[in-house]
Protein backbone atom coordinates (compact mmCIF):
# COMPACT_ATOMS: atom_id res chain seq x y z
CA MET A 1 -40.34 14.91 8.69
CA SER A 2 -42.79 15.98 6.00
CA ASN A 3 -43.90 13.22 3.68
CA SER A 4 -44.25 15.63 0.77
CA THR A 5 -40.61 16.63 0.24
CA HIS A 6 -39.68 16.64 -3.45
CA VAL A 7 -35.95 16.73 -4.22
CA VAL A 8 -34.40 17.07 -7.69
CA LEU A 9 -31.01 15.33 -7.80
CA LEU A 10 -28.80 17.03 -10.40
CA HIS A 11 -25.63 15.92 -12.21
CA ALA A 12 -26.12 12.12 -12.15
CA TYR A 13 -23.96 10.38 -14.76
CA SER A 14 -24.43 6.65 -15.45
CA SER A 15 -24.79 3.53 -13.33
CA LYS A 16 -22.69 1.71 -15.96
CA ASN A 17 -19.84 3.31 -14.07
CA SER A 18 -20.39 1.59 -10.74
CA GLY A 19 -18.68 4.42 -8.84
CA ASP A 20 -21.05 7.03 -10.26
CA GLY A 21 -24.01 4.71 -9.75
CA LEU A 22 -22.98 4.26 -6.13
CA LEU A 23 -22.88 8.03 -5.61
CA VAL A 24 -26.48 8.33 -6.83
CA ASP A 25 -27.59 5.47 -4.58
CA LEU A 26 -25.85 7.02 -1.58
CA SER A 27 -27.26 10.49 -2.35
CA ILE A 28 -30.81 9.14 -2.41
CA ASP A 29 -30.20 7.16 0.78
CA LEU A 30 -28.94 10.32 2.51
CA LEU A 31 -31.97 12.32 1.32
CA LYS A 32 -34.37 9.72 2.67
CA GLN A 33 -32.52 9.70 5.97
CA ALA A 34 -32.93 13.49 6.09
CA PHE A 35 -36.58 13.71 5.00
CA GLY A 36 -38.10 10.24 5.36
CA GLU A 37 -38.72 7.21 3.17
CA ALA A 38 -41.61 8.90 1.35
CA THR A 39 -39.24 11.53 -0.14
CA ARG A 40 -39.78 11.93 -3.88
CA VAL A 41 -36.47 12.13 -5.77
CA SER A 42 -36.34 13.19 -9.42
CA ILE A 43 -32.98 12.32 -11.00
CA VAL A 44 -31.42 14.32 -13.85
CA ALA A 45 -28.89 12.04 -15.56
CA ALA A 46 -26.53 11.89 -18.53
CA ASP A 47 -27.53 8.23 -19.06
CA PRO A 48 -31.12 8.06 -17.76
CA ALA A 49 -31.76 4.52 -19.08
CA SER A 50 -29.05 3.16 -16.77
CA PHE A 51 -31.08 4.21 -13.71
CA SER A 52 -34.16 2.14 -14.59
CA GLN A 53 -34.45 0.98 -10.97
CA TYR A 54 -35.66 4.46 -10.03
CA PRO A 55 -39.19 5.65 -10.91
CA GLU A 56 -38.41 9.20 -12.04
CA VAL A 57 -35.32 9.86 -14.17
CA HIS A 58 -34.96 12.69 -16.68
CA PRO A 59 -32.32 13.25 -19.40
CA ALA A 60 -29.78 15.95 -18.66
CA PRO A 61 -29.67 18.66 -21.35
CA VAL A 62 -26.68 18.19 -23.69
CA LEU A 63 -25.05 15.42 -21.62
CA ALA A 64 -27.76 12.86 -22.39
CA GLU A 65 -27.38 13.42 -26.12
CA ALA A 66 -24.80 11.72 -28.32
CA GLY A 67 -22.69 12.50 -31.37
CA ILE A 68 -23.75 15.45 -33.50
CA ALA A 69 -26.83 15.99 -31.36
CA ARG A 70 -24.63 16.62 -28.33
CA ILE A 71 -22.44 19.10 -30.24
CA ALA A 72 -25.50 20.90 -31.58
CA GLY A 73 -27.00 21.00 -28.11
CA ALA A 74 -23.81 22.42 -26.64
CA VAL A 75 -23.68 25.15 -29.29
CA GLY A 76 -27.33 25.92 -28.58
CA MET A 77 -26.52 26.64 -24.97
CA THR A 78 -25.30 30.08 -26.04
CA LEU A 79 -28.97 31.11 -26.04
CA PRO A 80 -30.45 32.54 -22.82
CA ILE A 81 -31.15 29.58 -20.59
CA GLY A 82 -34.85 30.29 -20.11
CA LYS A 83 -35.44 30.51 -23.88
CA ASN A 84 -33.60 27.37 -25.01
CA ARG A 85 -36.00 24.52 -25.74
CA ARG A 86 -33.52 21.95 -24.39
CA THR A 87 -33.70 23.43 -20.91
CA ARG A 88 -37.44 24.02 -20.66
CA GLU A 89 -38.15 20.54 -19.36
CA LEU A 90 -35.39 20.87 -16.76
CA LEU A 91 -36.71 24.24 -15.58
CA GLN A 92 -40.21 22.78 -15.31
CA ILE A 93 -38.93 19.91 -13.17
CA LEU A 94 -37.04 22.30 -10.91
CA SER A 95 -40.09 24.53 -10.49
CA SER A 96 -41.97 21.73 -8.68
CA ALA A 97 -39.14 20.87 -6.25
CA ASP A 98 -38.79 21.76 -2.59
CA LEU A 99 -35.01 21.32 -2.70
CA LEU A 100 -32.31 20.89 -5.34
CA VAL A 101 -29.30 18.70 -4.59
CA GLY A 102 -26.12 18.16 -6.58
CA VAL A 103 -24.96 14.54 -6.38
CA GLY A 104 -21.52 14.08 -4.86
CA GLY A 105 -18.62 13.65 -7.25
CA GLY A 106 -15.94 15.32 -9.31
CA TYR A 107 -17.75 16.79 -12.30
CA LEU A 108 -17.04 20.46 -11.49
CA ARG A 109 -13.43 20.31 -12.64
CA ALA A 110 -11.50 20.64 -15.90
CA ARG A 111 -7.93 19.74 -16.81
CA ASN A 112 -7.93 21.12 -20.37
CA CYS A 113 -9.96 23.19 -22.82
CA MET A 114 -12.14 20.28 -23.99
CA GLU A 115 -13.08 19.39 -20.41
CA ALA A 116 -13.77 23.07 -19.72
CA PHE A 117 -16.14 23.13 -22.70
CA LYS A 118 -17.97 20.03 -21.42
CA LEU A 119 -18.18 21.57 -17.97
CA GLU A 120 -19.64 24.80 -19.33
CA ALA A 121 -22.09 23.17 -21.76
CA GLY A 122 -23.23 20.38 -19.46
CA HIS A 123 -22.90 20.74 -15.72
CA LEU A 124 -22.75 24.52 -15.48
CA LEU A 125 -26.00 24.56 -17.46
CA GLN A 126 -27.68 22.60 -14.66
CA MET A 127 -26.15 24.98 -12.12
CA ARG A 128 -27.47 28.02 -13.98
CA ALA A 129 -30.91 26.43 -14.07
CA ALA A 130 -30.70 25.85 -10.31
CA CYS A 131 -29.80 29.51 -9.76
CA LEU A 132 -32.60 30.65 -12.06
CA SER A 133 -35.15 28.49 -10.24
CA GLY A 134 -34.60 30.30 -6.94
CA LYS A 135 -34.93 27.00 -5.08
CA PRO A 136 -32.76 26.17 -2.04
CA THR A 137 -29.80 24.16 -3.29
CA VAL A 138 -27.25 21.94 -1.54
CA TYR A 139 -24.29 20.30 -3.27
CA LEU A 140 -23.12 17.06 -1.65
CA PRO A 141 -19.36 16.41 -1.21
CA GLN A 142 -17.49 17.51 -4.32
CA SER A 143 -14.04 17.94 -5.79
CA ILE A 144 -14.30 21.40 -7.34
CA GLY A 145 -12.13 23.73 -9.39
CA PRO A 146 -10.65 23.65 -12.90
CA SER A 147 -6.96 22.84 -12.61
CA MET A 148 -6.20 24.40 -15.98
CA PRO A 149 -5.25 28.13 -16.09
CA ALA A 150 -8.78 29.45 -16.71
CA ARG A 151 -9.39 32.31 -14.31
CA PRO A 152 -12.71 33.47 -15.83
CA LEU A 153 -14.14 29.95 -15.57
CA ARG A 154 -12.87 29.49 -12.02
CA ALA A 155 -14.30 32.85 -10.96
CA HIS A 156 -17.64 32.13 -12.66
CA LEU A 157 -17.89 28.72 -10.99
CA SER A 158 -17.05 30.15 -7.57
CA ARG A 159 -19.62 32.95 -7.89
CA MET A 160 -22.38 30.54 -8.89
CA LEU A 161 -21.62 28.15 -6.03
CA ALA A 162 -21.70 31.06 -3.59
CA ARG A 163 -25.41 31.53 -4.41
CA PHE A 164 -26.40 28.09 -3.12
CA SER A 165 -27.53 27.20 0.39
CA CYS A 166 -24.51 25.01 1.14
CA VAL A 167 -21.67 23.41 -0.84
CA PHE A 168 -19.78 20.46 0.63
CA VAL A 169 -16.26 19.70 -0.61
CA ARG A 170 -14.45 16.41 -0.08
CA ASP A 171 -10.79 17.50 -0.24
CA ASP A 172 -8.60 20.32 1.06
CA ARG A 173 -7.70 21.63 -2.40
CA SER A 174 -11.36 22.24 -3.23
CA ALA A 175 -11.87 23.85 0.19
CA SER A 176 -8.98 26.22 -0.56
CA PHE A 177 -10.46 27.11 -3.96
CA LEU A 178 -13.79 28.07 -2.35
CA ALA A 179 -12.35 29.51 0.88
CA ASP A 180 -13.93 32.93 0.23
CA ASN A 181 -17.44 31.43 -0.06
CA ALA A 182 -19.10 31.41 3.37
CA ASN A 183 -21.34 28.46 2.39
CA THR A 184 -18.44 26.02 1.83
CA ARG A 185 -18.18 23.04 4.20
CA ARG A 186 -15.54 20.26 4.32
CA ALA A 187 -16.97 16.72 4.47
CA PRO A 188 -15.93 13.20 3.43
CA ASP A 189 -16.87 11.58 0.12
CA LEU A 190 -20.39 10.11 0.12
CA ALA A 191 -19.05 6.57 0.05
CA VAL A 192 -16.85 7.34 3.04
CA LEU A 193 -19.87 8.76 4.90
CA ASP A 194 -21.57 5.40 4.51
CA PHE A 195 -18.76 3.66 6.37
CA GLU A 196 -19.69 4.68 9.88
CA ARG A 197 -23.33 3.65 9.47
CA ARG A 198 -22.17 0.24 8.30
CA SER A 199 -19.15 0.01 10.60
CA ALA A 200 -20.42 -2.97 12.59
CA GLN A 201 -21.16 -4.90 9.40
CA ILE A 202 -17.80 -3.96 7.88
CA MET A 203 -15.81 -5.00 10.93
CA ALA A 204 -17.78 -8.25 11.31
CA GLN A 205 -16.91 -9.12 7.73
CA ALA A 206 -13.30 -8.03 8.24
CA GLU A 207 -12.95 -10.42 11.18
CA LYS A 208 -13.44 -13.30 8.73
CA SER A 209 -10.33 -12.26 6.81
CA ARG A 210 -7.32 -14.49 6.63
CA THR A 211 -4.26 -13.22 8.43
CA ARG A 212 -2.04 -13.87 5.40
CA VAL A 213 -2.47 -12.26 1.99
CA ALA A 214 -2.79 -15.03 -0.60
CA HIS A 215 -5.15 -13.49 -3.20
CA VAL A 216 -4.86 -9.93 -4.51
CA ALA A 217 -7.37 -8.41 -6.93
CA PHE A 218 -6.48 -5.45 -9.14
CA VAL A 219 -8.90 -2.80 -10.38
CA LEU A 220 -7.05 -0.96 -13.15
CA ARG A 221 -8.07 1.74 -15.59
CA ARG A 222 -6.51 3.62 -18.47
CA ALA A 223 -4.33 6.46 -17.26
CA PRO A 224 -6.02 9.89 -17.24
CA LYS A 225 -4.79 12.73 -19.44
CA TRP A 226 -1.31 12.75 -17.96
CA SER A 227 1.96 13.45 -19.73
CA MET A 228 3.47 10.64 -21.78
CA ARG A 229 6.14 10.14 -19.09
CA GLN A 230 3.52 9.80 -16.35
CA ARG A 231 1.47 7.30 -18.38
CA GLU A 232 4.52 5.20 -19.12
CA ARG A 233 5.59 5.21 -15.49
CA TYR A 234 2.08 4.29 -14.33
CA GLU A 235 1.86 1.30 -16.68
CA SER A 236 5.41 0.18 -15.91
CA SER A 237 4.88 0.43 -12.16
CA THR A 238 1.56 -1.44 -12.20
CA ARG A 239 3.18 -4.24 -14.24
CA GLN A 240 6.04 -4.44 -11.74
CA LEU A 241 3.61 -4.52 -8.81
CA ILE A 242 1.60 -7.34 -10.40
CA GLN A 243 4.77 -9.35 -11.06
CA ARG A 244 6.04 -8.76 -7.53
CA LEU A 245 2.79 -9.86 -5.85
CA ARG A 246 2.38 -12.79 -8.23
CA GLN A 247 5.48 -14.37 -6.71
CA THR A 248 3.52 -15.21 -3.55
CA CYS A 249 -0.16 -14.48 -4.32
CA ARG A 250 -2.91 -15.43 -6.74
CA ILE A 251 -3.70 -12.40 -8.90
CA SER A 252 -7.14 -11.50 -10.27
CA PHE A 253 -8.46 -8.57 -12.28
CA ALA A 254 -11.87 -6.96 -11.81
CA VAL A 255 -13.82 -4.41 -13.83
CA GLN A 256 -15.19 -1.31 -12.10
CA SER A 257 -16.50 0.74 -15.04
CA ARG A 258 -17.95 0.05 -18.48
CA GLY A 259 -19.38 3.53 -19.03
CA ARG A 260 -19.11 5.75 -22.08
CA GLY A 261 -15.46 6.64 -22.68
CA ASN A 262 -14.57 4.91 -19.42
CA ASP A 263 -14.25 1.23 -20.34
CA ASP A 264 -11.96 -0.73 -18.03
CA LEU A 265 -12.44 -3.94 -20.01
CA ALA A 266 -10.99 -2.32 -23.14
CA TYR A 267 -7.98 -1.20 -21.13
CA TYR A 268 -7.37 -4.69 -19.76
CA ARG A 269 -7.46 -6.09 -23.29
CA SER A 270 -4.96 -3.44 -24.43
CA ILE A 271 -2.42 -4.58 -21.81
CA GLY A 272 -2.86 -8.27 -22.58
CA VAL A 273 -5.25 -9.34 -19.81
CA ASP A 274 -7.48 -11.93 -21.49
CA GLY A 275 -10.26 -14.24 -20.42
CA GLU A 276 -13.59 -13.46 -18.83
CA LEU A 277 -13.46 -10.63 -16.31
CA VAL A 278 -16.15 -10.03 -13.72
CA SER A 279 -17.19 -6.85 -11.98
CA LEU A 280 -15.55 -6.03 -8.68
CA LYS A 281 -18.92 -6.39 -6.98
CA GLU A 282 -19.27 -9.96 -8.23
CA MET A 283 -15.70 -10.84 -7.31
CA LEU A 284 -16.13 -9.52 -3.78
CA ALA A 285 -19.21 -11.72 -3.39
CA THR A 286 -18.05 -14.93 -5.09
CA ASP A 287 -14.23 -15.02 -5.06
CA THR A 288 -13.32 -12.70 -2.21
CA PRO A 289 -9.70 -11.52 -2.37
CA ASP A 290 -7.60 -10.87 0.72
CA PHE A 291 -6.57 -7.45 -0.59
CA VAL A 292 -7.61 -5.17 -3.45
CA VAL A 293 -5.31 -2.77 -5.27
CA SER A 294 -7.53 -0.23 -7.02
CA VAL A 295 -6.75 2.74 -9.21
CA ARG A 296 -10.40 3.76 -8.99
CA LEU A 297 -11.34 5.31 -5.66
CA HIS A 298 -14.76 3.74 -5.57
CA GLY A 299 -13.18 0.39 -6.31
CA SER A 300 -11.20 0.80 -3.10
CA LEU A 301 -14.19 2.09 -1.13
CA GLU A 302 -16.49 -0.66 -2.40
CA SER A 303 -13.89 -3.19 -1.28
CA VAL A 304 -13.58 -1.72 2.21
CA LEU A 305 -17.37 -1.56 2.53
CA SER A 306 -17.34 -5.31 1.81
CA GLY A 307 -14.77 -5.96 4.55
CA VAL A 308 -11.80 -6.31 2.18
CA PRO A 309 -8.77 -4.02 2.70
CA SER A 310 -7.68 -1.98 -0.30
CA TYR A 311 -4.54 -0.11 -1.27
CA HIS A 312 -5.56 2.88 -3.41
CA LEU A 313 -3.38 4.15 -6.25
CA SER A 314 -4.93 7.59 -6.60
CA TYR A 315 -4.86 9.61 -9.79
CA GLU A 316 -6.53 12.71 -8.35
CA ARG A 317 -7.18 14.67 -5.18
CA LYS A 318 -10.38 12.87 -4.12
CA GLY A 319 -8.49 9.67 -3.30
CA PHE A 320 -6.13 11.31 -0.84
CA GLY A 321 -9.03 13.19 0.78
CA ALA A 322 -11.14 10.05 1.19
CA TYR A 323 -8.32 7.93 2.58
CA SER A 324 -7.32 10.69 4.98
CA ASP A 325 -10.91 10.92 6.26
CA LEU A 326 -10.83 7.15 6.83
CA GLY A 327 -7.54 7.30 8.73
CA LEU A 328 -5.79 5.37 5.94
CA ASP A 329 -3.08 7.84 4.88
CA GLY A 330 -0.53 5.02 4.80
CA TRP A 331 -2.55 3.02 2.27
CA VAL A 332 -2.70 5.46 -0.62
CA ALA A 333 -0.08 6.54 -3.17
CA ASN A 334 0.10 8.67 -6.30
CA ALA A 335 -0.73 6.40 -9.25
CA ALA A 336 1.54 8.45 -11.52
CA ASP A 337 4.55 8.18 -9.26
CA PHE A 338 4.48 5.22 -6.86
CA ASP A 339 7.13 2.71 -5.88
CA PRO A 340 5.81 -0.82 -6.60
CA GLU A 341 8.21 -2.34 -4.06
CA ASN A 342 6.88 -0.09 -1.30
CA VAL A 343 3.27 -0.92 -2.14
CA ALA A 344 4.00 -4.65 -2.24
CA ALA A 345 5.86 -4.44 1.05
CA ALA A 346 2.90 -2.72 2.72
CA ILE A 347 0.45 -5.36 1.49
CA LEU A 348 2.64 -8.35 2.33
CA ALA A 349 3.91 -7.09 5.69
CA PRO A 350 3.10 -9.31 8.68
CA GLY A 351 -0.12 -8.06 10.27
CA ALA A 352 -0.98 -5.85 7.28
CA ILE A 353 -4.68 -6.79 7.28
CA ARG A 354 -5.00 -6.29 11.04
CA ASN A 355 -3.24 -2.92 10.88
CA PHE A 356 -5.44 -1.76 8.00
CA TRP A 357 -8.62 -2.35 10.00
CA ALA A 358 -7.18 -0.78 13.15
CA ASN A 359 -6.56 2.42 11.19
CA THR A 360 -10.01 2.32 9.57
CA SER A 361 -11.91 1.96 12.84
CA SER A 362 -10.19 5.06 14.25
CA GLY A 363 -11.92 7.29 11.67
CA PHE A 364 -15.51 6.19 12.30
CA GLU A 365 -16.32 8.81 14.95
CA ARG A 366 -15.20 11.70 12.73
CA ILE A 367 -17.26 10.32 9.86
CA ARG A 368 -20.35 10.02 12.09
CA ALA A 369 -20.11 13.70 13.01
CA ALA A 370 -19.66 14.75 9.36
CA ARG A 371 -22.73 12.79 8.27
CA GLU A 372 -24.84 14.51 10.93
CA ARG A 373 -23.61 17.93 9.76
CA ILE A 374 -24.79 17.20 6.21
CA LEU A 375 -28.21 16.04 7.43
CA VAL A 376 -28.54 19.26 9.45
CA GLU A 377 -27.68 21.42 6.40
CA LEU A 378 -30.12 19.54 4.14
CA ARG A 379 -32.97 20.03 6.62
CA ALA A 380 -32.05 23.68 7.18
CA ALA A 381 -32.11 24.35 3.43
CA ARG A 382 -35.57 22.77 3.29
CA GLY A 383 -36.64 24.97 6.18
CA LEU A 384 -37.04 22.14 8.69
């Protein structure tokens, strides 16, 4: 591989949200596997200071600003993109790249008008800059498509994505949305892709597990913008599940995100969980649970990567797609409408840990093939 490949990684958010930070880490790892360790990666991020471990990080137009400055920046995006001073630096960075890559994730969606505005002013701005640059562009596995009734936005997003070299989607709903775009490819979430490469390590760690579940860790978050009935059911069901498991298990709580507007610690305090709470990463290393129940997908995936089984209470499509790719369809439920007794029964069933890992290992071969397909598309876009 050429040692001079320069990739600009678009749409990074903040490493204060460990799931989003993980996606950036995994994106860079994949790029270096495709093009070699000497690959230069320039990151464009909403919270550039949080990625201080990387040598070249640039602020994303609009998204990296705060308060009134962000609003003013968003309004300013009505100017032609090449003439707006906030995008000049981004366009200059893109002009020096060999390849543009969109980090994996779920930022190309919108559930309401406010989210649609943020999508248009922030992420679609980076997409327009990518189109304007004329550089080959690959988007790593995404959940894509506004769920709100916004046909012009959906059509605009689909047309822009059709101009790129390749767009990977991580769930069937996104694949259906972009079915008319010939460059759409179905692939697992980036964190899922990392499973096969680390399968031997994961299974070696899993073999150290106890056969009986005695310690369950929860990774909870505030409910998304659901209806009042859904939010109430979610909170009631999680309380019931905690109480049910507490009858036979030690219960712990871990924090997965402390990012802007995404503070798990504040949510724990609001539901009466006091005391010092550690990150999930620290808990997995120092007080390893036998099972993790996570409402955050990357809380579940981080647990499995550490050799700890996880039941995922999913609040959006990406969770079902990821668990299906892993062969774990029986270990995921809708967070807005799950039966706490059924979840507890699955976790406490005799042989639950053994069965979890048997299902996981069955998906490794499919994941290996998907990872190779992405590497092939990245190299093809670069002309290698």
